[in-house]
Amino acid sequence: MNDLPHLTNMFDRLKRGYHLGPDDEPEFTELCGRSDDYAAYFAAIGLKLVRHEREFFYFEPDNPETVPDTLPRIAVFSYIMIDYAANQGRPIEEFIFGHNFLVTALPHFTLDRYTALLRQVDVHDLPDLRTLLKHMERIGWVKWLDEDEFRFLRPFHRVFSRCLEIAAAAQSEAAKGNGSQGSEGEQPTPPPAADK
């Protein structure tokens, strides 16, 4: 197993909670080509390498019941992005993964209800939002293009997909409760912390 290229670098990054995706070359290509070999090596030292259906890799958390402090913030941040795209009538996934974003132009502080949601998870201003995005960069979910511009990376699907599921379930429940498809002015319920 000592012939596994980039093993030390992969281990260091994955152990810190990073998600390796297509932007992480040459490690990503090596993992894709020999994922079973890497998984066996990591399993021997007590770590489970997960290959997500969207083609990125991460270690399964040591304790799945423990929610990191940042996860509720990321979930609310994600919910606002999804809600904003939906309210604009944009295809949500294309909007999130097909565009670059300026921190100063994000919708997070444009509506009182967004600001109230962010305050519930201790995000009060743009510097707090930048701090959250820098954490998301450390785990491989966003990439900075310059000091104000970033884009979402494929591993962001880990929380994004869960937020979409929760929003769809909330809308379905609301439609059932109302006996209709809901009204245009209806606001989706914000998600609880997404899966890790």
C-alpha atoms as a PDB file:
ATOM      1  CA  MET A   1       0.000   0.000   0.000  1.00  0.00           C
ATOM      2  CA  ASN A   2       3.015   2.320   0.212  1.00  0.00           C
ATOM      3  CA  ASP A   3       2.642   2.862  -3.531  1.00  0.00           C
ATOM      4  CA  LEU A   4      -0.437   5.065  -3.079  1.00  0.00           C
ATOM      5  CA  PRO A   5       0.450   8.484  -4.533  1.00  0.00           C
ATOM      6  CA  HIS A   6      -0.283  11.642  -2.538  1.00  0.00           C
ATOM      7  CA  LEU A   7      -1.323   9.588   0.491  1.00  0.00           C
ATOM      8  CA  THR A   8       0.111  11.938   3.127  1.00  0.00           C
ATOM      9  CA  ASN A   9      -1.415  15.039   1.580  1.00  0.00           C
ATOM     10  CA  MET A  10      -4.805  13.330   1.145  1.00  0.00           C
ATOM     11  CA  PHE A  11      -4.777  12.047   4.704  1.00  0.00           C
ATOM     12  CA  ASP A  12      -3.864  15.449   6.163  1.00  0.00           C
ATOM     13  CA  ARG A  13      -6.580  17.260   4.239  1.00  0.00           C
ATOM     14  CA  LEU A  14      -9.331  14.666   4.720  1.00  0.00           C
ATOM     15  CA  LYS A  15      -8.593  14.274   8.432  1.00  0.00           C
ATOM     16  CA  ARG A  16      -9.121  18.031   8.908  1.00  0.00           C
ATOM     17  CA  GLY A  17     -12.612  17.673   7.395  1.00  0.00           C
ATOM     18  CA  TYR A  18     -11.717  18.682   3.847  1.00  0.00           C
ATOM     19  CA  HIS A  19     -13.698  17.280   0.914  1.00  0.00           C
ATOM     20  CA  LEU A  20     -11.617  16.355  -2.130  1.00  0.00           C
ATOM     21  CA  GLY A  21     -13.310  17.142  -5.437  1.00  0.00           C
ATOM     22  CA  PRO A  22     -12.451  17.770  -9.085  1.00  0.00           C
ATOM     23  CA  ASP A  23     -10.695  21.048  -8.215  1.00  0.00           C
ATOM     24  CA  ASP A  24      -8.171  19.122  -6.101  1.00  0.00           C
ATOM     25  CA  GLU A  25      -5.734  17.731  -8.589  1.00  0.00           C
ATOM     26  CA  PRO A  26      -3.847  15.438  -8.770  1.00  0.00           C
ATOM     27  CA  GLU A  27      -5.325  13.881  -5.598  1.00  0.00           C
ATOM     28  CA  PHE A  28      -8.866  13.676  -6.969  1.00  0.00           C
ATOM     29  CA  THR A  29      -7.856  11.730 -10.084  1.00  0.00           C
ATOM     30  CA  GLU A  30      -5.812   9.311  -7.966  1.00  0.00           C
ATOM     31  CA  LEU A  31      -8.727   8.760  -5.585  1.00  0.00           C
ATOM     32  CA  CYS A  32     -11.149   8.163  -8.453  1.00  0.00           C
ATOM     33  CA  GLY A  33      -8.824   5.660 -10.091  1.00  0.00           C
ATOM     34  CA  ARG A  34      -7.903   3.743  -6.950  1.00  0.00           C
ATOM     35  CA  SER A  35     -10.657   4.544  -4.467  1.00  0.00           C
ATOM     36  CA  ASP A  36     -10.884   0.946  -3.213  1.00  0.00           C
ATOM     37  CA  ASP A  37      -7.147   0.876  -2.472  1.00  0.00           C
ATOM     38  CA  TYR A  38      -7.276   4.164  -0.584  1.00  0.00           C
ATOM     39  CA  ALA A  39     -10.446   3.113   1.254  1.00  0.00           C
ATOM     40  CA  ALA A  40      -8.767  -0.145   2.353  1.00  0.00           C
ATOM     41  CA  TYR A  41      -5.687   1.724   3.576  1.00  0.00           C
ATOM     42  CA  PHE A  42      -7.755   4.233   5.563  1.00  0.00           C
ATOM     43  CA  ALA A  43     -10.045   1.485   6.914  1.00  0.00           C
ATOM     44  CA  ALA A  44      -6.991  -0.265   8.348  1.00  0.00           C
ATOM     45  CA  ILE A  45      -6.321   2.812  10.493  1.00  0.00           C
ATOM     46  CA  GLY A  46      -9.966   3.195  11.512  1.00  0.00           C
ATOM     47  CA  LEU A  47     -11.161   5.778   8.985  1.00  0.00           C
ATOM     48  CA  LYS A  48     -13.962   5.381   6.481  1.00  0.00           C
ATOM     49  CA  LEU A  49     -13.395   7.066   3.132  1.00  0.00           C
ATOM     50  CA  VAL A  50     -16.734   8.063   1.611  1.00  0.00           C
ATOM     51  CA  ARG A  51     -17.181   8.477  -2.132  1.00  0.00           C
ATOM     52  CA  HIS A  52     -20.248  10.672  -2.544  1.00  0.00           C
ATOM     53  CA  GLU A  53     -22.618   9.973  -5.439  1.00  0.00           C
ATOM     54  CA  ARG A  54     -21.721  13.431  -6.814  1.00  0.00           C
ATOM     55  CA  GLU A  55     -18.072  12.356  -7.113  1.00  0.00           C
ATOM     56  CA  PHE A  56     -16.143  13.825  -4.220  1.00  0.00           C
ATOM     57  CA  PHE A  57     -14.494  12.241  -1.190  1.00  0.00           C
ATOM     58  CA  TYR A  58     -14.451  12.789   2.564  1.00  0.00           C
ATOM     59  CA  PHE A  59     -13.959  10.869   5.796  1.00  0.00           C
ATOM     60  CA  GLU A  60     -17.062   9.747   7.627  1.00  0.00           C
ATOM     61  CA  PRO A  61     -17.253  11.711  10.894  1.00  0.00           C
ATOM     62  CA  ASP A  62     -15.955   9.979  14.037  1.00  0.00           C
ATOM     63  CA  ASN A  63     -19.228  10.653  15.818  1.00  0.00           C
ATOM     64  CA  PRO A  64     -22.184  11.233  13.458  1.00  0.00           C
ATOM     65  CA  GLU A  65     -24.313  12.441  16.387  1.00  0.00           C
ATOM     66  CA  THR A  66     -22.047  15.428  17.038  1.00  0.00           C
ATOM     67  CA  VAL A  67     -23.004  18.530  15.058  1.00  0.00           C
ATOM     68  CA  PRO A  68     -20.131  20.945  14.395  1.00  0.00           C
ATOM     69  CA  ASP A  69     -20.775  24.527  15.547  1.00  0.00           C
ATOM     70  CA  THR A  70     -20.561  25.788  11.979  1.00  0.00           C
ATOM     71  CA  LEU A  71     -23.137  23.409  10.490  1.00  0.00           C
ATOM     72  CA  PRO A  72     -26.255  25.363  11.559  1.00  0.00           C
ATOM     73  CA  ARG A  73     -24.658  28.521  10.112  1.00  0.00           C
ATOM     74  CA  ILE A  74     -23.895  26.760   6.841  1.00  0.00           C
ATOM     75  CA  ALA A  75     -27.436  25.339   6.721  1.00  0.00           C
ATOM     76  CA  VAL A  76     -29.013  28.789   7.166  1.00  0.00           C
ATOM     77  CA  PHE A  77     -26.586  30.323   4.667  1.00  0.00           C
ATOM     78  CA  SER A  78     -27.536  27.601   2.160  1.00  0.00           C
ATOM     79  CA  TYR A  79     -31.247  27.953   2.826  1.00  0.00           C
ATOM     80  CA  ILE A  80     -31.082  31.675   2.056  1.00  0.00           C
ATOM     81  CA  MET A  81     -29.261  31.000  -1.229  1.00  0.00           C
ATOM     82  CA  ILE A  82     -31.904  28.422  -2.208  1.00  0.00           C
ATOM     83  CA  ASP A  83     -34.818  30.626  -1.142  1.00  0.00           C
ATOM     84  CA  TYR A  84     -33.402  33.619  -2.998  1.00  0.00           C
ATOM     85  CA  ALA A  85     -32.889  31.616  -6.220  1.00  0.00           C
ATOM     86  CA  ALA A  86     -36.386  30.122  -5.963  1.00  0.00           C
ATOM     87  CA  ASN A  87     -37.956  33.550  -5.395  1.00  0.00           C
ATOM     88  CA  GLN A  88     -36.122  34.856  -8.469  1.00  0.00           C
ATOM     89  CA  GLY A  89     -37.545  31.971 -10.509  1.00  0.00           C
ATOM     90  CA  ARG A  90     -34.083  30.642 -11.266  1.00  0.00           C
ATOM     91  CA  PRO A  91     -33.161  26.964 -11.530  1.00  0.00           C
ATOM     92  CA  ILE A  92     -31.630  26.507  -8.078  1.00  0.00           C
ATOM     93  CA  GLU A  93     -28.799  24.095  -8.825  1.00  0.00           C
ATOM     94  CA  GLU A  94     -27.723  26.017 -11.926  1.00  0.00           C
ATOM     95  CA  PHE A  95     -27.818  29.264  -9.950  1.00  0.00           C
ATOM     96  CA  ILE A  96     -25.681  27.870  -7.119  1.00  0.00           C
ATOM     97  CA  PHE A  97     -23.128  25.908  -9.126  1.00  0.00           C
ATOM     98  CA  GLY A  98     -23.115  27.847 -12.375  1.00  0.00           C
ATOM     99  CA  HIS A  99     -22.227  31.323 -11.113  1.00  0.00           C
ATOM    100  CA  ASN A 100     -19.578  33.195  -9.212  1.00  0.00           C
ATOM    101  CA  PHE A 101     -20.754  35.325  -6.291  1.00  0.00           C
ATOM    102  CA  LEU A 102     -19.576  38.557  -4.734  1.00  0.00           C
ATOM    103  CA  VAL A 103     -19.775  38.535  -0.946  1.00  0.00           C
ATOM    104  CA  THR A 104     -20.944  42.134  -0.968  1.00  0.00           C
ATOM    105  CA  ALA A 105     -23.793  41.258  -3.375  1.00  0.00           C
ATOM    106  CA  LEU A 106     -25.137  38.187  -1.535  1.00  0.00           C
ATOM    107  CA  PRO A 107     -28.839  38.365  -0.617  1.00  0.00           C
ATOM    108  CA  HIS A 108     -28.296  37.421   3.028  1.00  0.00           C
ATOM    109  CA  PHE A 109     -28.852  40.883   4.509  1.00  0.00           C
ATOM    110  CA  THR A 110     -31.347  42.163   1.918  1.00  0.00           C
ATOM    111  CA  LEU A 111     -34.497  40.998   3.696  1.00  0.00           C
ATOM    112  CA  ASP A 112     -35.404  41.253   7.374  1.00  0.00           C
ATOM    113  CA  ARG A 113     -36.374  37.578   7.492  1.00  0.00           C
ATOM    114  CA  TYR A 114     -32.941  36.544   6.158  1.00  0.00           C
ATOM    115  CA  THR A 115     -31.206  38.796   8.675  1.00  0.00           C
ATOM    116  CA  ALA A 116     -33.333  37.338  11.498  1.00  0.00           C
ATOM    117  CA  LEU A 117     -32.425  33.783  10.473  1.00  0.00           C
ATOM    118  CA  LEU A 118     -28.726  34.646  10.372  1.00  0.00           C
ATOM    119  CA  ARG A 119     -28.849  36.274  13.796  1.00  0.00           C
ATOM    120  CA  GLN A 120     -30.276  33.047  15.230  1.00  0.00           C
ATOM    121  CA  VAL A 121     -26.985  31.357  14.291  1.00  0.00           C
ATOM    122  CA  ASP A 122     -24.737  34.295  15.316  1.00  0.00           C
ATOM    123  CA  VAL A 123     -24.074  35.699  11.852  1.00  0.00           C
ATOM    124  CA  HIS A 124     -24.611  39.452  12.207  1.00  0.00           C
ATOM    125  CA  ASP A 125     -22.754  41.184   9.373  1.00  0.00           C
ATOM    126  CA  LEU A 126     -20.573  40.793   6.281  1.00  0.00           C
ATOM    127  CA  PRO A 127     -17.406  39.994   8.272  1.00  0.00           C
ATOM    128  CA  ASP A 128     -19.296  37.099   9.923  1.00  0.00           C
ATOM    129  CA  LEU A 129     -20.419  35.932   6.480  1.00  0.00           C
ATOM    130  CA  ARG A 130     -16.820  36.081   5.227  1.00  0.00           C
ATOM    131  CA  THR A 131     -15.684  34.032   8.224  1.00  0.00           C
ATOM    132  CA  LEU A 132     -18.301  31.404   7.423  1.00  0.00           C
ATOM    133  CA  LEU A 133     -17.248  31.310   3.775  1.00  0.00           C
ATOM    134  CA  LYS A 134     -13.593  30.945   4.795  1.00  0.00           C
ATOM    135  CA  HIS A 135     -14.587  27.933   6.879  1.00  0.00           C
ATOM    136  CA  MET A 136     -16.418  26.530   3.865  1.00  0.00           C
ATOM    137  CA  GLU A 137     -13.211  27.021   1.871  1.00  0.00           C
ATOM    138  CA  ARG A 138     -11.230  25.077   4.510  1.00  0.00           C
ATOM    139  CA  ILE A 139     -13.545  22.087   4.063  1.00  0.00           C
ATOM    140  CA  GLY A 140     -13.526  22.277   0.262  1.00  0.00           C
ATOM    141  CA  TRP A 141     -17.020  23.661  -0.366  1.00  0.00           C
ATOM    142  CA  VAL A 142     -16.117  27.051  -1.873  1.00  0.00           C
ATOM    143  CA  LYS A 143     -13.171  28.486  -3.765  1.00  0.00           C
ATOM    144  CA  TRP A 144     -12.140  32.136  -3.547  1.00  0.00           C
ATOM    145  CA  LEU A 145     -11.416  33.750  -6.914  1.00  0.00           C
ATOM    146  CA  ASP A 146     -10.309  37.043  -5.360  1.00  0.00           C
ATOM    147  CA  GLU A 147     -10.894  38.782  -2.040  1.00  0.00           C
ATOM    148  CA  ASP A 148     -14.627  39.347  -2.671  1.00  0.00           C
ATOM    149  CA  GLU A 149     -15.563  36.742  -5.317  1.00  0.00           C
ATOM    150  CA  PHE A 150     -16.094  33.009  -4.793  1.00  0.00           C
ATOM    151  CA  ARG A 151     -17.809  30.021  -6.321  1.00  0.00           C
ATOM    152  CA  PHE A 152     -19.309  26.879  -4.866  1.00  0.00           C
ATOM    153  CA  LEU A 153     -17.489  23.599  -5.431  1.00  0.00           C
ATOM    154  CA  ARG A 154     -19.029  20.193  -6.028  1.00  0.00           C
ATOM    155  CA  PRO A 155     -18.615  19.010  -2.394  1.00  0.00           C
ATOM    156  CA  PHE A 156     -21.077  21.747  -1.367  1.00  0.00           C
ATOM    157  CA  HIS A 157     -23.686  19.237  -2.551  1.00  0.00           C
ATOM    158  CA  ARG A 158     -23.254  17.562   0.806  1.00  0.00           C
ATOM    159  CA  VAL A 159     -25.320  20.269   2.514  1.00  0.00           C
ATOM    160  CA  PHE A 160     -27.026  21.753  -0.546  1.00  0.00           C
ATOM    161  CA  SER A 161     -28.807  18.503  -1.471  1.00  0.00           C
ATOM    162  CA  ARG A 162     -30.022  18.078   2.087  1.00  0.00           C
ATOM    163  CA  CYS A 163     -31.363  21.646   2.170  1.00  0.00           C
ATOM    164  CA  LEU A 164     -33.266  21.023  -1.067  1.00  0.00           C
ATOM    165  CA  GLU A 165     -34.796  17.857   0.416  1.00  0.00           C
ATOM    166  CA  ILE A 166     -35.871  19.712   3.551  1.00  0.00           C
ATOM    167  CA  ALA A 167     -37.330  22.611   1.564  1.00  0.00           C
ATOM    168  CA  ALA A 168     -39.257  20.220  -0.694  1.00  0.00           C
ATOM    169  CA  ALA A 169     -40.580  18.296   2.318  1.00  0.00           C
ATOM    170  CA  ALA A 170     -41.638  21.539   4.024  1.00  0.00           C
ATOM    171  CA  GLN A 171     -43.455  22.712   0.904  1.00  0.00           C
ATOM    172  CA  SER A 172     -45.145  19.321   0.546  1.00  0.00           C
ATOM    173  CA  GLU A 173     -46.291  19.410   4.174  1.00  0.00           C
ATOM    174  CA  ALA A 174     -47.541  22.973   3.758  1.00  0.00           C
ATOM    175  CA  ALA A 175     -49.479  21.971   0.649  1.00  0.00           C
ATOM    176  CA  LYS A 176     -51.036  19.023   2.482  1.00  0.00           C
ATOM    177  CA  GLY A 177     -51.919  21.184   5.460  1.00  0.00           C
ATOM    178  CA  ASN A 178     -53.522  23.828   3.260  1.00  0.00           C
ATOM    179  CA  GLY A 179     -55.209  21.311   1.013  1.00  0.00           C
ATOM    180  CA  SER A 180     -53.679  23.188  -1.913  1.00  0.00           C
ATOM    181  CA  GLN A 181     -50.366  23.746  -3.635  1.00  0.00           C
ATOM    182  CA  GLY A 182     -49.650  26.750  -1.431  1.00  0.00           C
ATOM    183  CA  SER A 183     -49.617  30.415  -2.243  1.00  0.00           C
ATOM    184  CA  GLU A 184     -46.969  32.379  -4.044  1.00  0.00           C
ATOM    185  CA  GLY A 185     -46.292  34.510  -0.972  1.00  0.00           C
ATOM    186  CA  GLU A 186     -45.662  31.485   1.202  1.00  0.00           C
ATOM    187  CA  GLN A 187     -42.186  31.299   2.707  1.00  0.00           C
ATOM    188  CA  PRO A 188     -40.476  27.925   3.076  1.00  0.00           C
ATOM    189  CA  THR A 189     -39.496  26.858   6.566  1.00  0.00           C
ATOM    190  CA  PRO A 190     -35.761  27.222   7.198  1.00  0.00           C
ATOM    191  CA  PRO A 191     -33.911  23.924   7.462  1.00  0.00           C
ATOM    192  CA  PRO A 192     -32.562  22.472  10.658  1.00  0.00           C
ATOM    193  CA  ALA A 193     -28.888  21.582  10.637  1.00  0.00           C
ATOM    194  CA  ALA A 194     -28.128  19.514   7.542  1.00  0.00           C
ATOM    195  CA  ASP A 195     -26.429  16.136   7.681  1.00  0.00           C
ATOM    196  CA  LYS A 196     -22.702  16.111   8.121  1.00  0.00           C
END
